[in-house]
Amino acid sequence: MNYKIAVIPGDGIGPEIVGASTKVLDKIGEKFNHSFDYTKVLAGGVAIDTCDTPLPQETIDICKASDAVLLGALGGPKWDNLPGDKRPEAGLLGIRKALGLYANLRPAILYEELKASCPLKPEIVGDELDLMVVRELTGGIYFGEKGQDGDNAAWDVMKYTRPEVLRIARKAFEIAMKRNKKVTNVDKANVLGVSRFWRSIVLEVAKDFPKVELNHLYVDNAAMQLVINPKQFDVIVTSNLFGDILSDEASMITGSIGMLPSASLSDGKFGMYEPIHGSAPDIAGQDIANPIATIISVAMMLRFSLDLTEEADLIEAAVKKTLSQGYRTADIYSEGMKKVGTVEMGQRIIENL
């Protein structure tokens, strides 16, 4: 099979980690007789410098014509003083909206080989941890009505429509059916009317998935439970604002954001895949960035957008084997391990495919 992949290397370490990841994807193509056609496009800071906009229309058009999008990282202090709509982050929000990417999947995975990096006590997390935060991505307070009355007041409105909640809830239950069949809905229904509306629709969707256990937590309690007993969670579904916060908290339980992938999905199979970490311009070009989060993002792309489950499983197994062999980039290095750079880590994973 032939697949068209739009590639956004982006800023900072983005080109390095994307380069290591596409080499892994090429090896998968060799093993399984697939071909992956890459089209590189601009977004973020490099797009500002080249095209005077964080998101050129050409980028949107090429992404829409592709089977999936692979993104490195956007932004950096170089562009921090630009107006909000001209900064690299505007390119990220813009492409999510242009591509209809409403569901953000953020796995929080603690590998047994890296459990010493977890900030929680061993008796809390055990040997491994694997939970998924499903965050609504294109609605809520980030996209609601905004205003300011001079120096007197400012406001951002949290609004959700029925179709927005229906589709994110259904996506969460569908994912839970492929995992451990448990969904935790996180809201603030004791205070917010929009959360009571949200919860009522989640309950409605749950009726279509009788095999999935559903429970509810207020967001403040959910934040506590993630550090008290994270193993209770399988799939967490929540709104844009709450998901932004909880997914970062969940990621830190694993000890390094350099290990964690993400997917942003639209209706159907199309999605954009990226590591959760930033562009880290301070280490760019030094061959020390950890490419594993991007490589696992590629595995998610194979699984969710291209329906290549066996290939995705193989990449994840190769990552785990490479870690078990003691190879570590600087961010996850500990005494007695073998420190390697971006390129060598990618090559070791390829050798273990």
Protein backbone atom coordinates (compact mmCIF):
# COMPACT_ATOMS: atom_id res chain seq x y z
CA MET A 1 0.00 0.00 0.00
CA ASN A 2 1.02 3.57 -0.66
CA TYR A 3 0.35 6.27 1.92
CA LYS A 4 0.70 10.04 1.67
CA ILE A 5 2.13 11.66 4.79
CA ALA A 6 2.35 15.42 5.26
CA VAL A 7 5.41 16.19 7.39
CA ILE A 8 5.77 19.37 9.43
CA PRO A 9 9.31 19.29 10.89
CA GLY A 10 8.72 22.64 12.59
CA ASP A 11 11.16 24.44 14.87
CA GLY A 12 13.99 23.64 17.27
CA ILE A 13 14.57 19.90 17.59
CA GLY A 14 11.58 19.18 15.35
CA PRO A 15 13.56 18.34 12.18
CA GLU A 16 15.88 15.98 14.11
CA ILE A 17 13.19 13.93 15.83
CA VAL A 18 11.03 13.81 12.71
CA GLY A 19 14.03 12.67 10.68
CA ALA A 20 14.69 9.78 13.08
CA SER A 21 11.00 8.83 13.01
CA THR A 22 10.58 8.75 9.24
CA LYS A 23 13.58 6.41 9.04
CA VAL A 24 11.73 4.03 11.36
CA LEU A 25 8.65 4.36 9.17
CA ASP A 26 10.71 3.62 6.06
CA LYS A 27 11.99 0.41 7.67
CA ILE A 28 8.40 -0.60 8.41
CA GLY A 29 7.64 0.03 4.74
CA GLU A 30 10.45 -2.30 3.71
CA LYS A 31 9.34 -5.08 6.06
CA PHE A 32 5.64 -4.95 5.17
CA ASN A 33 5.80 -3.82 1.53
CA HIS A 34 4.32 -0.37 2.14
CA SER A 35 5.51 2.90 0.68
CA PHE A 36 5.26 6.23 2.45
CA ASP A 37 5.39 9.40 0.37
CA TYR A 38 6.40 12.41 2.46
CA THR A 39 5.61 16.02 1.61
CA LYS A 40 7.36 18.53 3.87
CA VAL A 41 5.40 21.69 4.68
CA LEU A 42 5.92 24.74 6.89
CA ALA A 43 4.22 25.83 10.09
CA GLY A 44 5.23 27.69 13.24
CA GLY A 45 8.33 29.82 13.58
CA VAL A 46 10.04 28.66 10.40
CA ALA A 47 6.85 29.53 8.49
CA ILE A 48 6.83 33.00 10.06
CA ASP A 49 10.42 33.55 8.97
CA THR A 50 9.79 32.21 5.46
CA CYS A 51 6.19 33.20 4.68
CA ASP A 52 5.36 35.84 7.31
CA THR A 53 2.55 33.66 8.67
CA PRO A 54 2.54 30.78 11.17
CA LEU A 55 0.27 28.70 8.94
CA PRO A 56 0.50 29.07 5.14
CA GLN A 57 -2.56 28.02 3.15
CA GLU A 58 -0.36 25.61 1.18
CA THR A 59 0.33 23.70 4.39
CA ILE A 60 -3.39 23.31 5.06
CA ASP A 61 -4.08 22.17 1.50
CA ILE A 62 -1.32 19.56 1.47
CA CYS A 63 -2.32 18.23 4.89
CA LYS A 64 -5.94 17.85 3.77
CA ALA A 65 -4.79 15.88 0.72
CA SER A 66 -2.74 13.45 2.85
CA ASP A 67 -3.62 10.29 4.77
CA ALA A 68 -2.06 11.66 7.97
CA VAL A 69 0.18 14.43 9.30
CA LEU A 70 3.41 14.02 11.28
CA LEU A 71 4.45 17.10 13.28
CA GLY A 72 7.73 17.74 15.08
CA ALA A 73 7.43 20.78 17.35
CA LEU A 74 6.52 24.45 16.94
CA GLY A 75 7.66 27.64 18.64
CA GLY A 76 10.54 29.11 20.55
CA PRO A 77 11.58 32.28 22.39
CA LYS A 78 12.64 33.89 19.11
CA TRP A 79 8.97 34.60 18.33
CA ASP A 80 7.66 35.28 21.86
CA ASN A 81 7.23 39.02 21.33
CA LEU A 82 5.00 38.76 18.28
CA PRO A 83 1.24 39.47 18.54
CA GLY A 84 -0.80 36.45 19.61
CA ASP A 85 -2.23 35.73 16.17
CA LYS A 86 1.25 35.89 14.61
CA ARG A 87 3.03 33.55 17.02
CA PRO A 88 3.89 29.92 16.20
CA GLU A 89 1.21 28.66 18.61
CA ALA A 90 -1.41 30.30 16.40
CA GLY A 91 -0.26 27.99 13.63
CA LEU A 92 -0.90 24.96 15.82
CA LEU A 93 -4.37 26.12 16.86
CA GLY A 94 -5.08 27.07 13.26
CA ILE A 95 -4.15 23.72 11.76
CA ARG A 96 -6.18 21.85 14.37
CA LYS A 97 -9.22 23.90 13.43
CA ALA A 98 -8.60 23.77 9.66
CA LEU A 99 -8.26 19.98 9.74
CA GLY A 100 -11.18 19.44 12.13
CA LEU A 101 -8.98 17.74 14.73
CA TYR A 102 -11.41 17.58 17.63
CA ALA A 103 -10.07 14.61 19.65
CA ASN A 104 -6.64 14.77 21.29
CA LEU A 105 -5.34 11.40 22.50
CA ARG A 106 -2.59 11.64 25.11
CA PRO A 107 -1.29 8.29 26.36
CA ALA A 108 0.63 8.34 29.63
CA ILE A 109 2.86 5.27 29.56
CA LEU A 110 5.38 4.32 32.21
CA TYR A 111 7.75 1.65 30.97
CA GLU A 112 9.07 -0.86 33.47
CA GLU A 113 12.60 0.00 32.32
CA LEU A 114 12.07 3.65 33.33
CA LYS A 115 10.02 3.25 36.50
CA ALA A 116 12.86 4.74 38.56
CA SER A 117 12.15 8.06 36.79
CA CYS A 118 8.58 8.17 38.10
CA PRO A 119 8.20 10.81 40.86
CA LEU A 120 5.57 8.69 42.65
CA LYS A 121 6.29 5.92 45.13
CA PRO A 122 6.78 2.46 43.56
CA GLU A 123 3.87 1.03 45.54
CA ILE A 124 1.57 3.56 43.86
CA VAL A 125 2.46 2.88 40.22
CA GLY A 126 3.77 -0.68 40.34
CA ASP A 127 5.92 -1.82 37.42
CA GLU A 128 4.05 -0.16 34.55
CA LEU A 129 1.31 2.37 33.87
CA ASP A 130 -0.81 2.89 30.76
CA LEU A 131 -3.69 5.36 30.67
CA MET A 132 -5.19 7.52 27.93
CA VAL A 133 -6.49 11.09 28.23
CA VAL A 134 -9.04 11.94 25.51
CA ARG A 135 -9.28 15.73 25.36
CA GLU A 136 -11.81 17.71 23.33
CA LEU A 137 -9.67 19.99 21.19
CA THR A 138 -11.67 22.50 19.14
CA GLY A 139 -14.38 23.79 21.49
CA GLY A 140 -14.78 25.10 25.01
CA ILE A 141 -13.21 28.14 26.59
CA TYR A 142 -10.23 28.37 24.21
CA PHE A 143 -12.55 28.95 21.26
CA GLY A 144 -15.48 30.66 23.01
CA GLU A 145 -16.52 34.29 22.99
CA LYS A 146 -13.83 36.59 24.36
CA GLY A 147 -13.97 40.18 25.47
CA GLN A 148 -12.47 42.90 27.60
CA ASP A 149 -13.92 46.05 29.13
CA GLY A 150 -10.82 48.22 29.35
CA ASP A 151 -9.13 47.80 32.72
CA ASN A 152 -12.38 46.74 34.43
CA ALA A 153 -13.03 43.17 33.27
CA ALA A 154 -12.20 40.44 30.79
CA TRP A 155 -13.99 37.22 29.92
CA ASP A 156 -13.70 33.94 28.04
CA VAL A 157 -16.85 31.86 27.55
CA MET A 158 -16.88 28.07 27.93
CA LYS A 159 -19.52 26.76 25.53
CA TYR A 160 -20.16 23.29 24.16
CA THR A 161 -22.72 22.16 21.62
CA ARG A 162 -24.43 18.79 21.61
CA PRO A 163 -22.57 17.52 18.49
CA GLU A 164 -19.20 18.49 20.01
CA VAL A 165 -19.80 16.49 23.17
CA LEU A 166 -21.39 13.55 21.35
CA ARG A 167 -18.42 13.00 19.06
CA ILE A 168 -15.70 13.26 21.73
CA ALA A 169 -17.63 11.01 24.12
CA ARG A 170 -18.17 8.41 21.40
CA LYS A 171 -14.48 8.52 20.49
CA ALA A 172 -13.52 7.89 24.13
CA PHE A 173 -15.84 4.90 24.43
CA GLU A 174 -14.61 3.45 21.14
CA ILE A 175 -11.01 3.68 22.38
CA ALA A 176 -11.97 2.13 25.74
CA MET A 177 -13.48 -0.84 23.90
CA LYS A 178 -10.00 -1.57 22.50
CA ARG A 179 -8.36 -1.19 25.92
CA ASN A 180 -9.66 -2.14 29.39
CA LYS A 181 -13.26 -1.00 28.88
CA LYS A 182 -13.37 1.77 31.46
CA VAL A 183 -14.11 5.48 30.92
CA THR A 184 -13.74 8.20 33.54
CA ASN A 185 -15.58 11.40 32.64
CA VAL A 186 -13.99 14.48 34.22
CA ASP A 187 -16.01 17.68 34.60
CA LYS A 188 -17.07 20.29 37.18
CA ALA A 189 -20.78 19.51 37.21
CA ASN A 190 -21.19 20.64 40.84
CA VAL A 191 -20.50 24.23 39.76
CA LEU A 192 -20.70 24.67 35.97
CA GLY A 193 -23.85 24.39 33.89
CA VAL A 194 -21.77 23.54 30.84
CA SER A 195 -20.35 20.57 32.76
CA ARG A 196 -23.82 19.33 33.71
CA PHE A 197 -24.76 19.53 30.02
CA TRP A 198 -21.54 17.69 29.11
CA ARG A 199 -22.17 14.93 31.66
CA SER A 200 -25.75 14.34 30.51
CA ILE A 201 -24.55 13.66 26.98
CA VAL A 202 -21.73 11.36 28.15
CA LEU A 203 -24.36 9.35 30.05
CA GLU A 204 -26.44 9.18 26.89
CA VAL A 205 -23.53 7.88 24.81
CA ALA A 206 -22.67 5.31 27.50
CA LYS A 207 -25.94 3.49 26.79
CA ASP A 208 -24.52 2.47 23.41
CA PHE A 209 -21.51 0.84 25.09
CA PRO A 210 -22.90 -1.48 27.79
CA LYS A 211 -19.56 -3.34 28.12
CA VAL A 212 -17.74 -0.15 29.17
CA GLU A 213 -17.71 0.86 32.84
CA LEU A 214 -18.35 4.61 33.29
CA ASN A 215 -17.60 6.76 36.31
CA HIS A 216 -17.41 10.52 36.91
CA LEU A 217 -14.93 12.71 38.77
CA TYR A 218 -14.85 16.43 39.38
CA VAL A 219 -11.69 17.90 37.88
CA ASP A 220 -10.11 18.82 41.22
CA ASN A 221 -10.59 15.28 42.52
CA ALA A 222 -9.31 13.83 39.25
CA ALA A 223 -6.11 15.87 39.61
CA MET A 224 -5.60 14.37 43.07
CA GLN A 225 -6.47 10.84 42.03
CA LEU A 226 -3.87 10.92 39.24
CA VAL A 227 -1.11 11.15 41.83
CA ILE A 228 -2.79 9.07 44.58
CA ASN A 229 -3.92 6.12 42.45
CA PRO A 230 -3.20 6.53 38.72
CA LYS A 231 -3.66 2.82 38.03
CA GLN A 232 -7.43 3.19 38.53
CA PHE A 233 -7.69 4.95 35.17
CA ASP A 234 -8.01 3.50 31.69
CA VAL A 235 -9.54 6.23 29.48
CA ILE A 236 -10.21 9.75 30.78
CA VAL A 237 -12.52 11.95 28.68
CA THR A 238 -12.77 15.65 29.36
CA SER A 239 -13.11 19.15 27.95
CA ASN A 240 -10.44 21.26 26.29
CA LEU A 241 -9.38 23.27 29.36
CA PHE A 242 -9.46 20.40 31.85
CA GLY A 243 -7.77 18.07 29.38
CA ASP A 244 -4.97 20.55 28.76
CA ILE A 245 -4.11 20.49 32.45
CA LEU A 246 -4.74 16.83 33.29
CA SER A 247 -2.87 15.45 30.28
CA ASP A 248 0.26 17.36 31.32
CA GLU A 249 -0.10 16.11 34.89
CA ALA A 250 -0.53 12.53 33.68
CA SER A 251 2.53 12.84 31.45
CA MET A 252 4.79 13.87 34.32
CA ILE A 253 3.91 10.71 36.21
CA THR A 254 5.96 8.86 33.61
CA GLY A 255 9.09 10.82 34.47
CA SER A 256 9.93 12.29 31.05
CA ILE A 257 7.85 14.11 28.47
CA GLY A 258 10.43 13.00 25.91
CA MET A 259 8.75 9.60 25.92
CA LEU A 260 5.15 10.55 25.28
CA PRO A 261 3.27 10.72 21.96
CA SER A 262 -0.06 12.24 21.03
CA ALA A 263 -2.66 12.03 18.30
CA SER A 264 -5.26 14.59 17.22
CA LEU A 265 -8.09 12.99 15.26
CA SER A 266 -10.91 14.22 13.06
CA ASP A 267 -14.02 12.35 11.97
CA GLY A 268 -13.03 9.19 10.16
CA LYS A 269 -9.39 8.03 10.17
CA PHE A 270 -7.50 11.25 9.49
CA GLY A 271 -5.21 12.56 12.22
CA MET A 272 -2.13 14.58 13.12
CA TYR A 273 0.57 12.95 15.24
CA GLU A 274 3.18 14.69 17.37
CA PRO A 275 5.24 14.38 20.56
CA ILE A 276 3.88 16.29 23.53
CA HIS A 277 7.15 18.06 24.29
CA GLY A 278 8.16 21.45 22.94
CA SER A 279 10.75 22.53 20.39
CA ALA A 280 13.64 22.76 22.93
CA PRO A 281 15.68 25.27 20.88
CA ASP A 282 18.44 25.20 23.51
CA ILE A 283 19.43 21.67 22.45
CA ALA A 284 18.55 21.88 18.75
CA GLY A 285 21.18 20.64 16.33
CA GLN A 286 23.22 18.87 19.01
CA ASP A 287 22.03 15.28 18.40
CA ILE A 288 20.85 14.87 21.98
CA ALA A 289 17.04 15.15 21.68
CA ASN A 290 14.98 12.08 22.54
CA PRO A 291 13.12 10.87 19.39
CA ILE A 292 11.09 8.17 21.15
CA ALA A 293 7.93 10.27 21.65
CA THR A 294 7.84 11.04 17.93
CA ILE A 295 8.59 7.43 17.00
CA ILE A 296 5.71 6.22 19.18
CA SER A 297 3.56 8.94 17.59
CA VAL A 298 4.33 7.24 14.28
CA ALA A 299 3.09 3.97 15.80
CA MET A 300 -0.14 5.74 16.79
CA MET A 301 -0.45 7.02 13.21
CA LEU A 302 -0.14 3.49 11.88
CA ARG A 303 -2.77 2.24 14.34
CA PHE A 304 -5.39 4.99 14.24
CA SER A 305 -5.15 6.48 10.73
CA LEU A 306 -3.73 3.70 8.54
CA ASP A 307 -5.18 0.61 10.27
CA LEU A 308 -1.75 -1.04 10.40
CA THR A 309 -1.97 -2.57 13.87
CA GLU A 310 0.75 -5.20 13.46
CA GLU A 311 3.19 -2.57 12.25
CA ALA A 312 2.33 -0.28 15.17
CA ASP A 313 2.81 -3.12 17.66
CA LEU A 314 6.22 -3.86 16.15
CA ILE A 315 7.45 -0.28 16.63
CA GLU A 316 6.27 -0.19 20.24
CA ALA A 317 7.95 -3.54 20.94
CA ALA A 318 11.18 -2.31 19.34
CA VAL A 319 11.18 0.79 21.57
CA LYS A 320 10.66 -1.36 24.65
CA LYS A 321 13.44 -3.76 23.60
CA THR A 322 15.83 -0.87 22.97
CA LEU A 323 15.16 0.46 26.47
CA SER A 324 15.64 -3.01 27.95
CA GLN A 325 19.07 -3.10 26.26
CA GLY A 326 20.04 -0.05 28.29
CA TYR A 327 20.12 2.64 25.58
CA ARG A 328 19.16 6.10 26.84
CA THR A 329 19.17 9.65 25.53
CA ALA A 330 20.35 12.34 27.95
CA ASP A 331 16.88 13.16 29.33
CA ILE A 332 16.29 9.58 30.57
CA TYR A 333 19.89 8.59 31.27
CA SER A 334 20.88 7.04 34.58
CA GLU A 335 24.14 5.57 35.84
CA GLY A 336 25.02 2.25 34.24
CA MET A 337 23.03 2.86 31.07
CA LYS A 338 24.41 3.54 27.57
CA LYS A 339 24.01 7.20 26.59
CA VAL A 340 23.21 7.73 22.90
CA GLY A 341 22.13 10.63 20.70
CA THR A 342 19.06 11.22 18.57
CA VAL A 343 20.41 9.46 15.49
CA GLU A 344 21.77 6.41 17.30
CA MET A 345 18.60 5.94 19.35
CA GLY A 346 16.60 5.90 16.13
CA GLN A 347 19.04 3.43 14.58
CA ARG A 348 18.92 1.11 17.61
CA ILE A 349 15.12 1.02 17.40
CA ILE A 350 15.32 0.23 13.68
CA GLU A 351 17.68 -2.66 14.43
CA ASN A 352 15.13 -4.06 16.88
CA LEU A 353 12.20 -3.96 14.47
